[in-house]
């Protein structure tokens, strides 16, 4: 997964924000379980998940580890930024 080329759709940003209790709106059951799985995955399994769900993995990574990740996801969710 290349962080510089992964596009995060606004809907994905909203779902991740909801899962991390920062607004947005919750995904359906599968989406919720997927985002929770990504959030708890070790590096090997995270790499595997990123092959199929690159936007979700990048958005969760931003929420968990980037100092400005929540703010960036909020901007994406509100259509004020692209990722």
PDB file of N, CA and C in Angstrom:
ATOM      1  N   UNK A   1       0.845  -1.173   0.000  1.00  0.00           N
ATOM      2  CA  UNK A   1       0.000   0.000   0.000  1.00  0.00           C
ATOM      3  C   UNK A   1       0.887   1.231   0.000  1.00  0.00           C
ATOM      4  N   UNK A   2       0.591   2.150  -0.891  1.00  0.00           N
ATOM      5  CA  UNK A   2       1.337   3.396  -0.969  1.00  0.00           C
ATOM      6  C   UNK A   2       0.480   4.515  -0.408  1.00  0.00           C
ATOM      7  N   UNK A   3       0.867   5.051   0.721  1.00  0.00           N
ATOM      8  CA  UNK A   3       0.089   6.100   1.380  1.00  0.00           C
ATOM      9  C   UNK A   3      -0.099   7.315   0.493  1.00  0.00           C
ATOM     10  N   UNK A   4       0.857   7.584  -0.378  1.00  0.00           N
ATOM     11  CA  UNK A   4       0.791   8.776  -1.215  1.00  0.00           C
ATOM     12  C   UNK A   4      -0.216   8.648  -2.349  1.00  0.00           C
ATOM     13  N   UNK A   5      -0.614   7.444  -2.708  1.00  0.00           N
ATOM     14  CA  UNK A   5      -1.535   7.272  -3.819  1.00  0.00           C
ATOM     15  C   UNK A   5      -2.878   6.682  -3.406  1.00  0.00           C
ATOM     16  N   UNK A   6      -3.071   6.394  -2.143  1.00  0.00           N
ATOM     17  CA  UNK A   6      -4.331   5.833  -1.684  1.00  0.00           C
ATOM     18  C   UNK A   6      -5.352   6.953  -1.508  1.00  0.00           C
ATOM     19  N   UNK A   7      -6.458   6.854  -2.232  1.00  0.00           N
ATOM     20  CA  UNK A   7      -7.536   7.830  -2.108  1.00  0.00           C
ATOM     21  C   UNK A   7      -8.548   7.317  -1.096  1.00  0.00           C
ATOM     22  N   UNK A   8      -8.915   8.170  -0.175  1.00  0.00           N
ATOM     23  CA  UNK A   8      -9.907   7.809   0.839  1.00  0.00           C
ATOM     24  C   UNK A   8     -11.215   8.504   0.470  1.00  0.00           C
ATOM     25  N   UNK A   9     -12.237   7.731   0.124  1.00  0.00           N
ATOM     26  CA  UNK A   9     -13.538   8.331  -0.175  1.00  0.00           C
ATOM     27  C   UNK A   9     -14.146   8.986   1.071  1.00  0.00           C
ATOM     28  N   UNK A  10     -14.983   9.992   0.867  1.00  0.00           N
ATOM     29  CA  UNK A  10     -15.620  10.691   1.986  1.00  0.00           C
ATOM     30  C   UNK A  10     -16.410   9.725   2.860  1.00  0.00           C
ATOM     31  N   UNK A  11     -17.088   8.770   2.251  1.00  0.00           N
ATOM     32  CA  UNK A  11     -17.875   7.816   3.029  1.00  0.00           C
ATOM     33  C   UNK A  11     -16.990   6.969   3.940  1.00  0.00           C
ATOM     34  N   UNK A  12     -15.845   6.548   3.444  1.00  0.00           N
ATOM     35  CA  UNK A  12     -14.906   5.778   4.272  1.00  0.00           C
ATOM     36  C   UNK A  12     -14.415   6.625   5.434  1.00  0.00           C
ATOM     37  N   UNK A  13     -14.096   7.887   5.168  1.00  0.00           N
ATOM     38  CA  UNK A  13     -13.658   8.786   6.234  1.00  0.00           C
ATOM     39  C   UNK A  13     -14.749   8.923   7.292  1.00  0.00           C
ATOM     40  N   UNK A  14     -15.995   9.071   6.867  1.00  0.00           N
ATOM     41  CA  UNK A  14     -17.106   9.193   7.826  1.00  0.00           C
ATOM     42  C   UNK A  14     -17.251   7.931   8.681  1.00  0.00           C
ATOM     43  N   UNK A  15     -17.090   6.778   8.046  1.00  0.00           N
ATOM     44  CA  UNK A  15     -17.206   5.522   8.792  1.00  0.00           C
ATOM     45  C   UNK A  15     -16.090   5.385   9.825  1.00  0.00           C
ATOM     46  N   UNK A  16     -14.867   5.691   9.427  1.00  0.00           N
ATOM     47  CA  UNK A  16     -13.738   5.593  10.356  1.00  0.00           C
ATOM     48  C   UNK A  16     -13.904   6.590  11.500  1.00  0.00           C
ATOM     49  N   UNK A  17     -14.344   7.799  11.194  1.00  0.00           N
ATOM     50  CA  UNK A  17     -14.587   8.780  12.252  1.00  0.00           C
ATOM     51  C   UNK A  17     -15.614   8.267  13.257  1.00  0.00           C
ATOM     52  N   UNK A  18     -16.651   7.626  12.769  1.00  0.00           N
ATOM     53  CA  UNK A  18     -17.674   7.083  13.673  1.00  0.00           C
ATOM     54  C   UNK A  18     -17.107   5.975  14.553  1.00  0.00           C
ATOM     55  N   UNK A  19     -16.314   5.099  13.965  1.00  0.00           N
ATOM     56  CA  UNK A  19     -15.734   3.995  14.724  1.00  0.00           C
ATOM     57  C   UNK A  19     -14.812   4.521  15.828  1.00  0.00           C
ATOM     58  N   UNK A  20     -14.135   5.645  15.557  1.00  0.00           N
ATOM     59  CA  UNK A  20     -13.228   6.233  16.549  1.00  0.00           C
ATOM     60  C   UNK A  20     -13.904   7.347  17.360  1.00  0.00           C
ATOM     61  N   UNK A  21     -15.242   7.425  17.285  1.00  0.00           N
ATOM     62  CA  UNK A  21     -16.036   8.382  18.078  1.00  0.00           C
ATOM     63  C   UNK A  21     -15.674   9.840  17.833  1.00  0.00           C
ATOM     64  N   UNK A  22     -15.568  10.193  16.550  1.00  0.00           N
ATOM     65  CA  UNK A  22     -15.266  11.575  16.184  1.00  0.00           C
ATOM     66  C   UNK A  22     -16.238  12.073  15.121  1.00  0.00           C
ATOM     67  N   UNK A  23     -17.498  11.719  15.257  1.00  0.00           N
ATOM     68  CA  UNK A  23     -18.495  12.167  14.291  1.00  0.00           C
ATOM     69  C   UNK A  23     -18.713  11.124  13.219  1.00  0.00           C
ATOM     70  N   UNK A  24     -18.997  11.588  12.009  1.00  0.00           N
ATOM     71  CA  UNK A  24     -19.251  10.675  10.912  1.00  0.00           C
ATOM     72  C   UNK A  24     -20.530   9.905  11.149  1.00  0.00           C
ATOM     73  N   UNK A  25     -20.672   8.803  10.463  1.00  0.00           N
ATOM     74  CA  UNK A  25     -21.803   7.920  10.699  1.00  0.00           C
ATOM     75  C   UNK A  25     -21.328   6.484  10.590  1.00  0.00           C
ATOM     76  N   UNK A  26     -21.939   5.605  11.375  1.00  0.00           N
ATOM     77  CA  UNK A  26     -21.433   4.235  11.446  1.00  0.00           C
ATOM     78  C   UNK A  26     -21.667   3.450  10.163  1.00  0.00           C
ATOM     79  N   UNK A  27     -20.738   2.585   9.851  1.00  0.00           N
ATOM     80  CA  UNK A  27     -20.925   1.692   8.713  1.00  0.00           C
ATOM     81  C   UNK A  27     -21.892   0.577   9.092  1.00  0.00           C
ATOM     82  N   UNK A  28     -22.211  -0.248   8.135  1.00  0.00           N
ATOM     83  CA  UNK A  28     -23.016  -1.432   8.418  1.00  0.00           C
ATOM     84  C   UNK A  28     -22.208  -2.449   9.206  1.00  0.00           C
ATOM     85  N   UNK A  29     -22.814  -3.576   9.457  1.00  0.00           N
ATOM     86  CA  UNK A  29     -22.183  -4.604  10.294  1.00  0.00           C
ATOM     87  C   UNK A  29     -20.839  -5.058   9.743  1.00  0.00           C
ATOM     88  N   UNK A  30     -20.786  -5.381   8.443  1.00  0.00           N
ATOM     89  CA  UNK A  30     -19.531  -5.831   7.856  1.00  0.00           C
ATOM     90  C   UNK A  30     -18.475  -4.740   7.948  1.00  0.00           C
ATOM     91  N   UNK A  31     -18.852  -3.507   7.592  1.00  0.00           N
ATOM     92  CA  UNK A  31     -17.906  -2.398   7.640  1.00  0.00           C
ATOM     93  C   UNK A  31     -17.361  -2.167   9.033  1.00  0.00           C
ATOM     94  N   UNK A  32     -18.218  -2.244  10.021  1.00  0.00           N
ATOM     95  CA  UNK A  32     -17.788  -2.073  11.408  1.00  0.00           C
ATOM     96  C   UNK A  32     -16.788  -3.150  11.796  1.00  0.00           C
ATOM     97  N   UNK A  33     -17.118  -4.397  11.488  1.00  0.00           N
ATOM     98  CA  UNK A  33     -16.210  -5.485  11.831  1.00  0.00           C
ATOM     99  C   UNK A  33     -14.891  -5.370  11.077  1.00  0.00           C
ATOM    100  N   UNK A  34     -14.951  -4.946   9.819  1.00  0.00           N
ATOM    101  CA  UNK A  34     -13.729  -4.768   9.033  1.00  0.00           C
ATOM    102  C   UNK A  34     -12.839  -3.696   9.652  1.00  0.00           C
ATOM    103  N   UNK A  35     -13.410  -2.548   9.978  1.00  0.00           N
ATOM    104  CA  UNK A  35     -12.608  -1.461  10.547  1.00  0.00           C
ATOM    105  C   UNK A  35     -12.036  -1.843  11.906  1.00  0.00           C
ATOM    106  N   UNK A  36     -12.789  -2.580  12.697  1.00  0.00           N
ATOM    107  CA  UNK A  36     -12.273  -3.050  13.985  1.00  0.00           C
ATOM    108  C   UNK A  36     -11.145  -4.062  13.784  1.00  0.00           C
ATOM    109  N   UNK A  37     -11.292  -4.915  12.788  1.00  0.00           N
ATOM    110  CA  UNK A  37     -10.249  -5.890  12.467  1.00  0.00           C
ATOM    111  C   UNK A  37      -8.967  -5.174  12.031  1.00  0.00           C
ATOM    112  N   UNK A  38      -9.108  -4.187  11.173  1.00  0.00           N
ATOM    113  CA  UNK A  38      -7.952  -3.414  10.711  1.00  0.00           C
ATOM    114  C   UNK A  38      -7.277  -2.730  11.896  1.00  0.00           C
ATOM    115  N   UNK A  39      -8.069  -2.128  12.767  1.00  0.00           N
ATOM    116  CA  UNK A  39      -7.511  -1.394  13.909  1.00  0.00           C
ATOM    117  C   UNK A  39      -6.702  -2.292  14.835  1.00  0.00           C
ATOM    118  N   UNK A  40      -7.034  -3.574  14.899  1.00  0.00           N
ATOM    119  CA  UNK A  40      -6.329  -4.483  15.807  1.00  0.00           C
ATOM    120  C   UNK A  40      -5.349  -5.429  15.141  1.00  0.00           C
ATOM    121  N   UNK A  41      -5.167  -5.284  13.827  1.00  0.00           N
ATOM    122  CA  UNK A  41      -4.326  -6.234  13.091  1.00  0.00           C
ATOM    123  C   UNK A  41      -2.839  -6.004  13.331  1.00  0.00           C
ATOM    124  N   UNK A  42      -2.075  -7.092  13.326  1.00  0.00           N
ATOM    125  CA  UNK A  42      -0.617  -6.976  13.365  1.00  0.00           C
ATOM    126  C   UNK A  42      -0.134  -6.585  11.964  1.00  0.00           C
ATOM    127  N   UNK A  43       1.142  -6.276  11.835  1.00  0.00           N
ATOM    128  CA  UNK A  43       1.680  -5.745  10.575  1.00  0.00           C
ATOM    129  C   UNK A  43       1.516  -6.711   9.403  1.00  0.00           C
ATOM    130  N   UNK A  44       1.735  -7.997   9.614  1.00  0.00           N
ATOM    131  CA  UNK A  44       1.602  -8.965   8.523  1.00  0.00           C
ATOM    132  C   UNK A  44       0.170  -9.028   8.007  1.00  0.00           C
ATOM    133  N   UNK A  45      -0.776  -9.120   8.909  1.00  0.00           N
ATOM    134  CA  UNK A  45      -2.172  -9.192   8.501  1.00  0.00           C
ATOM    135  C   UNK A  45      -2.682  -7.854   7.971  1.00  0.00           C
ATOM    136  N   UNK A  46      -2.147  -6.767   8.498  1.00  0.00           N
ATOM    137  CA  UNK A  46      -2.509  -5.445   7.994  1.00  0.00           C
ATOM    138  C   UNK A  46      -2.096  -5.303   6.532  1.00  0.00           C
ATOM    139  N   UNK A  47      -0.929  -5.801   6.200  1.00  0.00           N
ATOM    140  CA  UNK A  47      -0.466  -5.758   4.810  1.00  0.00           C
ATOM    141  C   UNK A  47      -1.390  -6.572   3.910  1.00  0.00           C
ATOM    142  N   UNK A  48      -1.849  -7.683   4.392  1.00  0.00           N
ATOM    143  CA  UNK A  48      -2.786  -8.506   3.614  1.00  0.00           C
ATOM    144  C   UNK A  48      -4.117  -7.793   3.423  1.00  0.00           C
ATOM    145  N   UNK A  49      -4.614  -7.178   4.482  1.00  0.00           N
ATOM    146  CA  UNK A  49      -5.872  -6.435   4.386  1.00  0.00           C
ATOM    147  C   UNK A  49      -5.747  -5.245   3.439  1.00  0.00           C
ATOM    148  N   UNK A  50      -4.582  -4.614   3.440  1.00  0.00           N
ATOM    149  CA  UNK A  50      -4.364  -3.443   2.586  1.00  0.00           C
ATOM    150  C   UNK A  50      -4.412  -3.787   1.103  1.00  0.00           C
ATOM    151  N   UNK A  51      -4.146  -5.028   0.761  1.00  0.00           N
ATOM    152  CA  UNK A  51      -4.215  -5.436  -0.644  1.00  0.00           C
ATOM    153  C   UNK A  51      -5.642  -5.333  -1.173  1.00  0.00           C
ATOM    154  N   UNK A  52      -6.615  -5.616  -0.327  1.00  0.00           N
ATOM    155  CA  UNK A  52      -8.014  -5.608  -0.740  1.00  0.00           C
ATOM    156  C   UNK A  52      -8.760  -4.353  -0.289  1.00  0.00           C
ATOM    157  N   UNK A  53      -8.358  -3.788   0.838  1.00  0.00           N
ATOM    158  CA  UNK A  53      -9.048  -2.634   1.408  1.00  0.00           C
ATOM    159  C   UNK A  53      -8.069  -1.488   1.673  1.00  0.00           C
ATOM    160  N   UNK A  54      -7.405  -0.966   0.636  1.00  0.00           N
ATOM    161  CA  UNK A  54      -6.369   0.047   0.862  1.00  0.00           C
ATOM    162  C   UNK A  54      -6.883   1.337   1.492  1.00  0.00           C
ATOM    163  N   UNK A  55      -8.048   1.817   1.080  1.00  0.00           N
ATOM    164  CA  UNK A  55      -8.571   3.070   1.628  1.00  0.00           C
ATOM    165  C   UNK A  55      -8.928   2.913   3.103  1.00  0.00           C
ATOM    166  N   UNK A  56      -9.528   1.807   3.441  1.00  0.00           N
ATOM    167  CA  UNK A  56      -9.913   1.563   4.824  1.00  0.00           C
ATOM    168  C   UNK A  56      -8.686   1.449   5.724  1.00  0.00           C
ATOM    169  N   UNK A  57      -7.676   0.726   5.258  1.00  0.00           N
ATOM    170  CA  UNK A  57      -6.443   0.570   6.041  1.00  0.00           C
ATOM    171  C   UNK A  57      -5.760   1.921   6.233  1.00  0.00           C
ATOM    172  N   UNK A  58      -5.672   2.711   5.179  1.00  0.00           N
ATOM    173  CA  UNK A  58      -5.022   4.021   5.289  1.00  0.00           C
ATOM    174  C   UNK A  58      -5.811   4.947   6.212  1.00  0.00           C
ATOM    175  N   UNK A  59      -7.127   4.942   6.124  1.00  0.00           N
ATOM    176  CA  UNK A  59      -7.940   5.810   6.976  1.00  0.00           C
ATOM    177  C   UNK A  59      -7.813   5.416   8.449  1.00  0.00           C
ATOM    178  N   UNK A  60      -7.815   4.129   8.740  1.00  0.00           N
ATOM    179  CA  UNK A  60      -7.638   3.677  10.122  1.00  0.00           C
ATOM    180  C   UNK A  60      -6.238   4.041  10.609  1.00  0.00           C
ATOM    181  N   UNK A  61      -5.228   3.851   9.755  1.00  0.00           N
ATOM    182  CA  UNK A  61      -3.865   4.220  10.133  1.00  0.00           C
ATOM    183  C   UNK A  61      -3.790   5.700  10.495  1.00  0.00           C
ATOM    184  N   UNK A  62      -4.409   6.540   9.665  1.00  0.00           N
ATOM    185  CA  UNK A  62      -4.413   7.980   9.937  1.00  0.00           C
ATOM    186  C   UNK A  62      -5.063   8.274  11.285  1.00  0.00           C
ATOM    187  N   UNK A  63      -6.215   7.648  11.537  1.00  0.00           N
ATOM    188  CA  UNK A  63      -6.937   7.893  12.784  1.00  0.00           C
ATOM    189  C   UNK A  63      -6.132   7.445  13.997  1.00  0.00           C
ATOM    190  N   UNK A  64      -5.423   6.350  13.861  1.00  0.00           N
ATOM    191  CA  UNK A  64      -4.683   5.804  14.998  1.00  0.00           C
ATOM    192  C   UNK A  64      -3.341   6.482  15.239  1.00  0.00           C
ATOM    193  N   UNK A  65      -2.642   6.862  14.179  1.00  0.00           N
ATOM    194  CA  UNK A  65      -1.228   7.219  14.352  1.00  0.00           C
ATOM    195  C   UNK A  65      -0.823   8.623  13.919  1.00  0.00           C
ATOM    196  N   UNK A  66      -1.571   9.272  13.057  1.00  0.00           N
ATOM    197  CA  UNK A  66      -1.174  10.607  12.606  1.00  0.00           C
ATOM    198  C   UNK A  66      -1.668  11.657  13.593  1.00  0.00           C
ATOM    199  N   UNK A  67      -0.790  12.599  13.942  1.00  0.00           N
ATOM    200  CA  UNK A  67      -1.179  13.660  14.870  1.00  0.00           C
ATOM    201  C   UNK A  67      -2.386  14.442  14.356  1.00  0.00           C
ATOM    202  N   UNK A  68      -2.443  14.647  13.056  1.00  0.00           N
ATOM    203  CA  UNK A  68      -3.555  15.390  12.461  1.00  0.00           C
ATOM    204  C   UNK A  68      -4.521  14.476  11.705  1.00  0.00           C
ATOM    205  N   UNK A  69      -4.462  13.183  11.981  1.00  0.00           N
ATOM    206  CA  UNK A  69      -5.263  12.213  11.240  1.00  0.00           C
ATOM    207  C   UNK A  69      -6.760  12.425  11.353  1.00  0.00           C
ATOM    208  N   UNK A  70      -7.248  12.688  12.561  1.00  0.00           N
ATOM    209  CA  UNK A  70      -8.688  12.904  12.742  1.00  0.00           C
ATOM    210  C   UNK A  70      -9.114  14.168  11.998  1.00  0.00           C
ATOM    211  N   UNK A  71      -8.342  15.214  12.121  1.00  0.00           N
ATOM    212  CA  UNK A  71      -8.671  16.467  11.422  1.00  0.00           C
ATOM    213  C   UNK A  71      -8.665  16.265   9.904  1.00  0.00           C
ATOM    214  N   UNK A  72      -7.711  15.510   9.406  1.00  0.00           N
ATOM    215  CA  UNK A  72      -7.663  15.245   7.967  1.00  0.00           C
ATOM    216  C   UNK A  72      -8.854  14.411   7.522  1.00  0.00           C
ATOM    217  N   UNK A  73      -9.222  13.407   8.305  1.00  0.00           N
ATOM    218  CA  UNK A  73     -10.393  12.601   7.974  1.00  0.00           C
ATOM    219  C   UNK A  73     -11.670  13.437   8.025  1.00  0.00           C
ATOM    220  N   UNK A  74     -11.763  14.346   8.984  1.00  0.00           N
ATOM    221  CA  UNK A  74     -12.927  15.227   9.057  1.00  0.00           C
ATOM    222  C   UNK A  74     -13.000  16.123   7.823  1.00  0.00           C
ATOM    223  N   UNK A  75     -11.864  16.608   7.369  1.00  0.00           N
ATOM    224  CA  UNK A  75     -11.839  17.441   6.161  1.00  0.00           C
ATOM    225  C   UNK A  75     -12.266  16.630   4.936  1.00  0.00           C
ATOM    226  N   UNK A  76     -11.801  15.403   4.847  1.00  0.00           N
ATOM    227  CA  UNK A  76     -12.206  14.530   3.728  1.00  0.00           C
ATOM    228  C   UNK A  76     -13.698  14.265   3.803  1.00  0.00           C
ATOM    229  N   UNK A  77     -14.189  13.938   4.976  1.00  0.00           N
ATOM    230  CA  UNK A  77     -15.607  13.628   5.164  1.00  0.00           C
ATOM    231  C   UNK A  77     -16.506  14.810   4.803  1.00  0.00           C
ATOM    232  N   UNK A  78     -16.007  16.017   5.028  1.00  0.00           N
ATOM    233  CA  UNK A  78     -16.783  17.230   4.760  1.00  0.00           C
ATOM    234  C   UNK A  78     -16.540  17.795   3.360  1.00  0.00           C
ATOM    235  N   UNK A  79     -15.753  17.088   2.558  1.00  0.00           N
ATOM    236  CA  UNK A  79     -15.483  17.539   1.200  1.00  0.00           C
ATOM    237  C   UNK A  79     -14.534  18.715   1.104  1.00  0.00           C
ATOM    238  N   UNK A  80     -13.774  18.960   2.165  1.00  0.00           N
ATOM    239  CA  UNK A  80     -12.864  20.098   2.204  1.00  0.00           C
ATOM    240  C   UNK A  80     -11.440  19.708   1.841  1.00  0.00           C
ATOM    241  N   UNK A  81     -11.195  18.428   1.667  1.00  0.00           N
ATOM    242  CA  UNK A  81      -9.852  17.954   1.317  1.00  0.00           C
ATOM    243  C   UNK A  81      -9.973  16.618   0.623  1.00  0.00           C
ATOM    244  N   UNK A  82      -8.970  16.310  -0.148  1.00  0.00           N
ATOM    245  CA  UNK A  82      -8.877  14.999  -0.781  1.00  0.00           C
ATOM    246  C   UNK A  82      -7.722  14.255  -0.131  1.00  0.00           C
ATOM    247  N   UNK A  83      -7.837  12.954  -0.112  1.00  0.00           N
ATOM    248  CA  UNK A  83      -6.732  12.181   0.463  1.00  0.00           C
ATOM    249  C   UNK A  83      -6.232  11.175  -0.518  1.00  0.00           C
TER     250      UNK A  83
END
